[in-house]
Amino acid sequence: PLVCPGERVTGEILRRLMNAKNQER
């Protein structure tokens, strides 16, 4: 996991999640 429950979502985490295809996340 890049982020777990209770953690604040960062721009870097979002960048990685948005750049991944649905089947890769």
PDB file of all heavy atoms in Angstrom:
ATOM      1  N   PRO A   1       0.814  -1.217   0.000  1.00  0.00           N
ATOM      2  CA  PRO A   1       0.000   0.000   0.000  1.00  0.00           C
ATOM      3  C   PRO A   1       0.850   1.272   0.000  1.00  0.00           C
ATOM      4  O   PRO A   1       1.864   1.351   0.687  1.00  0.00           O
ATOM      5  CB  PRO A   1      -0.802  -0.097   1.299  1.00  0.00           C
ATOM      6  CG  PRO A   1      -0.803  -1.540   1.647  1.00  0.00           C
ATOM      7  CD  PRO A   1       0.506  -2.080   1.146  1.00  0.00           C
ATOM      8  N   LEU A   2       0.393   2.243  -0.773  1.00  0.00           N
ATOM      9  CA  LEU A   2       1.004   3.577  -0.747  1.00  0.00           C
ATOM     10  C   LEU A   2       0.409   4.394   0.384  1.00  0.00           C
ATOM     11  O   LEU A   2       1.053   5.277   0.931  1.00  0.00           O
ATOM     12  CB  LEU A   2       0.764   4.295  -2.084  1.00  0.00           C
ATOM     13  CG  LEU A   2       1.409   3.666  -3.317  1.00  0.00           C
ATOM     14  CD1 LEU A   2       0.917   4.360  -4.579  1.00  0.00           C
ATOM     15  CD2 LEU A   2       2.919   3.751  -3.210  1.00  0.00           C
ATOM     16  N   VAL A   3      -0.858   4.115   0.694  1.00  0.00           N
ATOM     17  CA  VAL A   3      -1.560   4.802   1.775  1.00  0.00           C
ATOM     18  C   VAL A   3      -2.443   3.784   2.487  1.00  0.00           C
ATOM     19  O   VAL A   3      -2.996   2.881   1.864  1.00  0.00           O
ATOM     20  CB  VAL A   3      -2.388   5.999   1.228  1.00  0.00           C
ATOM     21  CG1 VAL A   3      -3.516   5.550   0.323  1.00  0.00           C
ATOM     22  CG2 VAL A   3      -2.902   6.890   2.339  1.00  0.00           C
ATOM     23  N   CYS A   4      -2.536   3.917   3.804  1.00  0.00           N
ATOM     24  CA  CYS A   4      -3.345   3.012   4.630  1.00  0.00           C
ATOM     25  C   CYS A   4      -4.422   3.820   5.338  1.00  0.00           C
ATOM     26  O   CYS A   4      -4.336   5.050   5.425  1.00  0.00           O
ATOM     27  CB  CYS A   4      -2.452   2.313   5.658  1.00  0.00           C
ATOM     28  SG  CYS A   4      -1.298   1.159   4.918  1.00  0.00           S
ATOM     29  N   PRO A   5      -5.450   3.147   5.871  1.00  0.00           N
ATOM     30  CA  PRO A   5      -6.506   3.873   6.572  1.00  0.00           C
ATOM     31  C   PRO A   5      -5.926   4.754   7.682  1.00  0.00           C
ATOM     32  O   PRO A   5      -5.059   4.330   8.446  1.00  0.00           O
ATOM     33  CB  PRO A   5      -7.373   2.761   7.167  1.00  0.00           C
ATOM     34  CG  PRO A   5      -7.151   1.592   6.270  1.00  0.00           C
ATOM     35  CD  PRO A   5      -5.713   1.703   5.853  1.00  0.00           C
ATOM     36  N   GLY A   6      -6.400   5.993   7.726  1.00  0.00           N
ATOM     37  CA  GLY A   6      -5.958   6.940   8.744  1.00  0.00           C
ATOM     38  C   GLY A   6      -4.812   7.823   8.294  1.00  0.00           C
ATOM     39  O   GLY A   6      -4.455   8.767   8.991  1.00  0.00           O
ATOM     40  N   GLU A   7      -4.236   7.536   7.123  1.00  0.00           N
ATOM     41  CA  GLU A   7      -3.121   8.347   6.627  1.00  0.00           C
ATOM     42  C   GLU A   7      -3.626   9.400   5.641  1.00  0.00           C
ATOM     43  O   GLU A   7      -4.596   9.198   4.933  1.00  0.00           O
ATOM     44  CB  GLU A   7      -2.071   7.467   5.954  1.00  0.00           C
ATOM     45  CG  GLU A   7      -1.386   6.534   6.923  1.00  0.00           C
ATOM     46  CD  GLU A   7      -0.382   5.618   6.275  1.00  0.00           C
ATOM     47  OE1 GLU A   7      -0.430   5.412   5.046  1.00  0.00           O
ATOM     48  OE2 GLU A   7       0.466   5.086   7.011  1.00  0.00           O
ATOM     49  N   ARG A   8      -2.919  10.532   5.611  1.00  0.00           N
ATOM     50  CA  ARG A   8      -3.284  11.629   4.719  1.00  0.00           C
ATOM     51  C   ARG A   8      -2.739  11.359   3.318  1.00  0.00           C
ATOM     52  O   ARG A   8      -1.590  10.996   3.151  1.00  0.00           O
ATOM     53  CB  ARG A   8      -2.737  12.942   5.261  1.00  0.00           C
ATOM     54  CG  ARG A   8      -3.467  14.144   4.728  1.00  0.00           C
ATOM     55  CD  ARG A   8      -3.189  15.395   5.524  1.00  0.00           C
ATOM     56  NE  ARG A   8      -3.604  15.356   6.911  1.00  0.00           N
ATOM     57  CZ  ARG A   8      -4.827  15.572   7.359  1.00  0.00           C
ATOM     58  NH1 ARG A   8      -5.802  15.802   6.498  1.00  0.00           N
ATOM     59  NH2 ARG A   8      -5.098  15.554   8.643  1.00  0.00           N
ATOM     60  N   VAL A   9      -3.580  11.542   2.312  1.00  0.00           N
ATOM     61  CA  VAL A   9      -3.209  11.301   0.919  1.00  0.00           C
ATOM     62  C   VAL A   9      -2.373  12.479   0.412  1.00  0.00           C
ATOM     63  O   VAL A   9      -2.775  13.629   0.532  1.00  0.00           O
ATOM     64  CB  VAL A   9      -4.471  11.125   0.038  1.00  0.00           C
ATOM     65  CG1 VAL A   9      -4.092  10.864  -1.401  1.00  0.00           C
ATOM     66  CG2 VAL A   9      -5.347  10.009   0.579  1.00  0.00           C
ATOM     67  N   THR A  10      -1.207  12.161  -0.155  1.00  0.00           N
ATOM     68  CA  THR A  10      -0.312  13.202  -0.671  1.00  0.00           C
ATOM     69  C   THR A  10      -0.408  13.292  -2.189  1.00  0.00           C
ATOM     70  O   THR A  10      -0.942  12.400  -2.849  1.00  0.00           O
ATOM     71  CB  THR A  10       1.151  12.897  -0.293  1.00  0.00           C
ATOM     72  OG1 THR A  10       1.557  11.695  -0.965  1.00  0.00           O
ATOM     73  CG2 THR A  10       1.325  12.753   1.208  1.00  0.00           C
ATOM     74  N   GLY A  11       0.151  14.349  -2.733  1.00  0.00           N
ATOM     75  CA  GLY A  11       0.186  14.527  -4.179  1.00  0.00           C
ATOM     76  C   GLY A  11       0.956  13.421  -4.873  1.00  0.00           C
ATOM     77  O   GLY A  11       0.576  12.970  -5.954  1.00  0.00           O
ATOM     78  N   GLU A  12       2.052  12.971  -4.278  1.00  0.00           N
ATOM     79  CA  GLU A  12       2.861  11.895  -4.859  1.00  0.00           C
ATOM     80  C   GLU A  12       2.067  10.588  -4.919  1.00  0.00           C
ATOM     81  O   GLU A  12       2.112   9.874  -5.914  1.00  0.00           O
ATOM     82  CB  GLU A  12       4.140  11.701  -4.047  1.00  0.00           C
ATOM     83  CG  GLU A  12       4.982  10.525  -4.475  1.00  0.00           C
ATOM     84  CD  GLU A  12       5.578  10.651  -5.879  1.00  0.00           C
ATOM     85  OE1 GLU A  12       5.596  11.766  -6.429  1.00  0.00           O
ATOM     86  OE2 GLU A  12       6.009   9.620  -6.427  1.00  0.00           O
ATOM     87  N   ILE A  13       1.329  10.292  -3.869  1.00  0.00           N
ATOM     88  CA  ILE A  13       0.494   9.076  -3.855  1.00  0.00           C
ATOM     89  C   ILE A  13      -0.562   9.172  -4.954  1.00  0.00           C
ATOM     90  O   ILE A  13      -0.774   8.225  -5.704  1.00  0.00           O
ATOM     91  CB  ILE A  13      -0.152   8.883  -2.470  1.00  0.00           C
ATOM     92  CG1 ILE A  13       0.927   8.504  -1.449  1.00  0.00           C
ATOM     93  CG2 ILE A  13      -1.265   7.840  -2.521  1.00  0.00           C
ATOM     94  CD1 ILE A  13       0.465   8.569  -0.017  1.00  0.00           C
ATOM     95  N   LEU A  14      -1.197  10.318  -5.061  1.00  0.00           N
ATOM     96  CA  LEU A  14      -2.219  10.504  -6.099  1.00  0.00           C
ATOM     97  C   LEU A  14      -1.624  10.358  -7.491  1.00  0.00           C
ATOM     98  O   LEU A  14      -2.218   9.731  -8.364  1.00  0.00           O
ATOM     99  CB  LEU A  14      -2.865  11.880  -5.972  1.00  0.00           C
ATOM    100  CG  LEU A  14      -3.840  12.024  -4.824  1.00  0.00           C
ATOM    101  CD1 LEU A  14      -4.370  13.442  -4.764  1.00  0.00           C
ATOM    102  CD2 LEU A  14      -4.972  11.042  -4.957  1.00  0.00           C
ATOM    103  N   ARG A  15      -0.447  10.917  -7.705  1.00  0.00           N
ATOM    104  CA  ARG A  15       0.206  10.825  -9.012  1.00  0.00           C
ATOM    105  C   ARG A  15       0.412   9.363  -9.395  1.00  0.00           C
ATOM    106  O   ARG A  15       0.095   8.944 -10.498  1.00  0.00           O
ATOM    107  CB  ARG A  15       1.541  11.562  -8.991  1.00  0.00           C
ATOM    108  CG  ARG A  15       2.229  11.593 -10.351  1.00  0.00           C
ATOM    109  CD  ARG A  15       3.592  12.260 -10.284  1.00  0.00           C
ATOM    110  NE  ARG A  15       4.543  11.495  -9.493  1.00  0.00           N
ATOM    111  CZ  ARG A  15       5.154  10.392  -9.897  1.00  0.00           C
ATOM    112  NH1 ARG A  15       4.900   9.888 -11.081  1.00  0.00           N
ATOM    113  NH2 ARG A  15       6.015   9.763  -9.117  1.00  0.00           N
ATOM    114  N   ARG A  16       0.900   8.568  -8.441  1.00  0.00           N
ATOM    115  CA  ARG A  16       1.143   7.152  -8.725  1.00  0.00           C
ATOM    116  C   ARG A  16      -0.161   6.386  -8.968  1.00  0.00           C
ATOM    117  O   ARG A  16      -0.234   5.543  -9.849  1.00  0.00           O
ATOM    118  CB  ARG A  16       1.935   6.515  -7.598  1.00  0.00           C
ATOM    119  CG  ARG A  16       3.363   7.034  -7.566  1.00  0.00           C
ATOM    120  CD  ARG A  16       4.176   6.339  -6.539  1.00  0.00           C
ATOM    121  NE  ARG A  16       5.500   6.930  -6.484  1.00  0.00           N
ATOM    122  CZ  ARG A  16       6.584   6.260  -6.177  1.00  0.00           C
ATOM    123  NH1 ARG A  16       6.516   4.982  -5.883  1.00  0.00           N
ATOM    124  NH2 ARG A  16       7.750   6.860  -6.139  1.00  0.00           N
ATOM    125  N   LEU A  17      -1.194   6.689  -8.184  1.00  0.00           N
ATOM    126  CA  LEU A  17      -2.473   6.005  -8.373  1.00  0.00           C
ATOM    127  C   LEU A  17      -3.127   6.392  -9.698  1.00  0.00           C
ATOM    128  O   LEU A  17      -3.692   5.558 -10.394  1.00  0.00           O
ATOM    129  CB  LEU A  17      -3.423   6.301  -7.209  1.00  0.00           C
ATOM    130  CG  LEU A  17      -3.063   5.679  -5.865  1.00  0.00           C
ATOM    131  CD1 LEU A  17      -4.007   6.190  -4.775  1.00  0.00           C
ATOM    132  CD2 LEU A  17      -3.089   4.164  -5.937  1.00  0.00           C
ATOM    133  N   MET A  18      -3.055   7.667 -10.053  1.00  0.00           N
ATOM    134  CA  MET A  18      -3.690   8.123 -11.290  1.00  0.00           C
ATOM    135  C   MET A  18      -2.931   7.644 -12.527  1.00  0.00           C
ATOM    136  O   MET A  18      -3.540   7.433 -13.575  1.00  0.00           O
ATOM    137  CB  MET A  18      -3.844   9.644 -11.282  1.00  0.00           C
ATOM    138  CG  MET A  18      -4.882  10.090 -10.272  1.00  0.00           C
ATOM    139  SD  MET A  18      -5.435  11.811 -10.402  1.00  0.00           S
ATOM    140  CE  MET A  18      -3.976  12.735 -10.108  1.00  0.00           C
ATOM    141  N   ASN A  19      -1.613   7.462 -12.416  1.00  0.00           N
ATOM    142  CA  ASN A  19      -0.819   7.000 -13.555  1.00  0.00           C
ATOM    143  C   ASN A  19      -0.951   5.500 -13.797  1.00  0.00           C
ATOM    144  O   ASN A  19      -0.614   5.023 -14.873  1.00  0.00           O
ATOM    145  CB  ASN A  19       0.655   7.366 -13.379  1.00  0.00           C
ATOM    146  CG  ASN A  19       0.898   8.845 -13.594  1.00  0.00           C
ATOM    147  OD1 ASN A  19       0.098   9.541 -14.196  1.00  0.00           O
ATOM    148  ND2 ASN A  19       1.999   9.341 -13.068  1.00  0.00           N
ATOM    149  N   ALA A  20      -1.418   4.771 -12.799  1.00  0.00           N
ATOM    150  CA  ALA A  20      -1.576   3.313 -12.937  1.00  0.00           C
ATOM    151  C   ALA A  20      -2.917   3.006 -13.611  1.00  0.00           C
ATOM    152  O   ALA A  20      -3.903   3.707 -13.408  1.00  0.00           O
ATOM    153  CB  ALA A  20      -1.521   2.642 -11.570  1.00  0.00           C
ATOM    154  N   LYS A  21      -2.929   1.956 -14.397  1.00  0.00           N
ATOM    155  CA  LYS A  21      -4.180   1.504 -15.007  1.00  0.00           C
ATOM    156  C   LYS A  21      -5.012   0.821 -13.927  1.00  0.00           C
ATOM    157  O   LYS A  21      -4.490   0.390 -12.908  1.00  0.00           O
ATOM    158  CB  LYS A  21      -3.875   0.530 -16.135  1.00  0.00           C
ATOM    159  CG  LYS A  21      -3.086   1.143 -17.253  1.00  0.00           C
ATOM    160  CD  LYS A  21      -2.710   0.101 -18.270  1.00  0.00           C
ATOM    161  CE  LYS A  21      -1.771   0.701 -19.296  1.00  0.00           C
ATOM    162  NZ  LYS A  21      -0.946  -0.296 -19.945  1.00  0.00           N
ATOM    163  N   ASN A  22      -6.320   0.706 -14.158  1.00  0.00           N
ATOM    164  CA  ASN A  22      -7.210   0.096 -13.163  1.00  0.00           C
ATOM    165  C   ASN A  22      -6.749  -1.282 -12.721  1.00  0.00           C
ATOM    166  O   ASN A  22      -6.835  -1.619 -11.550  1.00  0.00           O
ATOM    167  CB  ASN A  22      -8.635   0.018 -13.691  1.00  0.00           C
ATOM    168  CG  ASN A  22      -9.362   1.335 -13.574  1.00  0.00           C
ATOM    169  OD1 ASN A  22      -9.000   2.179 -12.768  1.00  0.00           O
ATOM    170  ND2 ASN A  22     -10.369   1.525 -14.392  1.00  0.00           N
ATOM    171  N   GLN A  23      -6.253  -2.109 -13.641  1.00  0.00           N
ATOM    172  CA  GLN A  23      -5.842  -3.458 -13.278  1.00  0.00           C
ATOM    173  C   GLN A  23      -4.507  -3.477 -12.538  1.00  0.00           C
ATOM    174  O   GLN A  23      -4.093  -4.505 -12.045  1.00  0.00           O
ATOM    175  CB  GLN A  23      -5.804  -4.386 -14.501  1.00  0.00           C
ATOM    176  CG  GLN A  23      -4.759  -4.035 -15.526  1.00  0.00           C
ATOM    177  CD  GLN A  23      -5.244  -3.074 -16.596  1.00  0.00           C
ATOM    178  OE1 GLN A  23      -6.209  -2.347 -16.400  1.00  0.00           O
ATOM    179  NE2 GLN A  23      -4.576  -3.062 -17.729  1.00  0.00           N
ATOM    180  N   GLU A  24      -3.817  -2.332 -12.459  1.00  0.00           N
ATOM    181  CA  GLU A  24      -2.532  -2.258 -11.771  1.00  0.00           C
ATOM    182  C   GLU A  24      -2.644  -1.637 -10.385  1.00  0.00           C
ATOM    183  O   GLU A  24      -1.644  -1.445  -9.723  1.00  0.00           O
ATOM    184  CB  GLU A  24      -1.541  -1.424 -12.598  1.00  0.00           C
ATOM    185  CG  GLU A  24      -1.195  -2.030 -13.927  1.00  0.00           C
ATOM    186  CD  GLU A  24      -0.347  -1.110 -14.790  1.00  0.00           C
ATOM    187  OE1 GLU A  24      -0.269   0.107 -14.499  1.00  0.00           O
ATOM    188  OE2 GLU A  24       0.247  -1.604 -15.752  1.00  0.00           O
ATOM    189  N   ARG A  25      -3.829  -1.297  -9.949  1.00  0.00           N
ATOM    190  CA  ARG A  25      -3.968  -0.648  -8.637  1.00  0.00           C
ATOM    191  C   ARG A  25      -5.051  -1.331  -7.819  1.00  0.00           C
ATOM    192  O   ARG A  25      -5.931  -2.001  -8.347  1.00  0.00           O
ATOM    193  CB  ARG A  25      -4.243   0.838  -8.789  1.00  0.00           C
ATOM    194  CG  ARG A  25      -5.498   1.173  -9.549  1.00  0.00           C
ATOM    195  CD  ARG A  25      -5.587   2.660  -9.824  1.00  0.00           C
ATOM    196  NE  ARG A  25      -6.828   2.954 -10.514  1.00  0.00           N
ATOM    197  CZ  ARG A  25      -7.086   4.083 -11.104  1.00  0.00           C
ATOM    198  NH1 ARG A  25      -6.195   5.047 -11.106  1.00  0.00           N
ATOM    199  NH2 ARG A  25      -8.244   4.280 -11.698  1.00  0.00           N
TER     200      ARG A  25
END
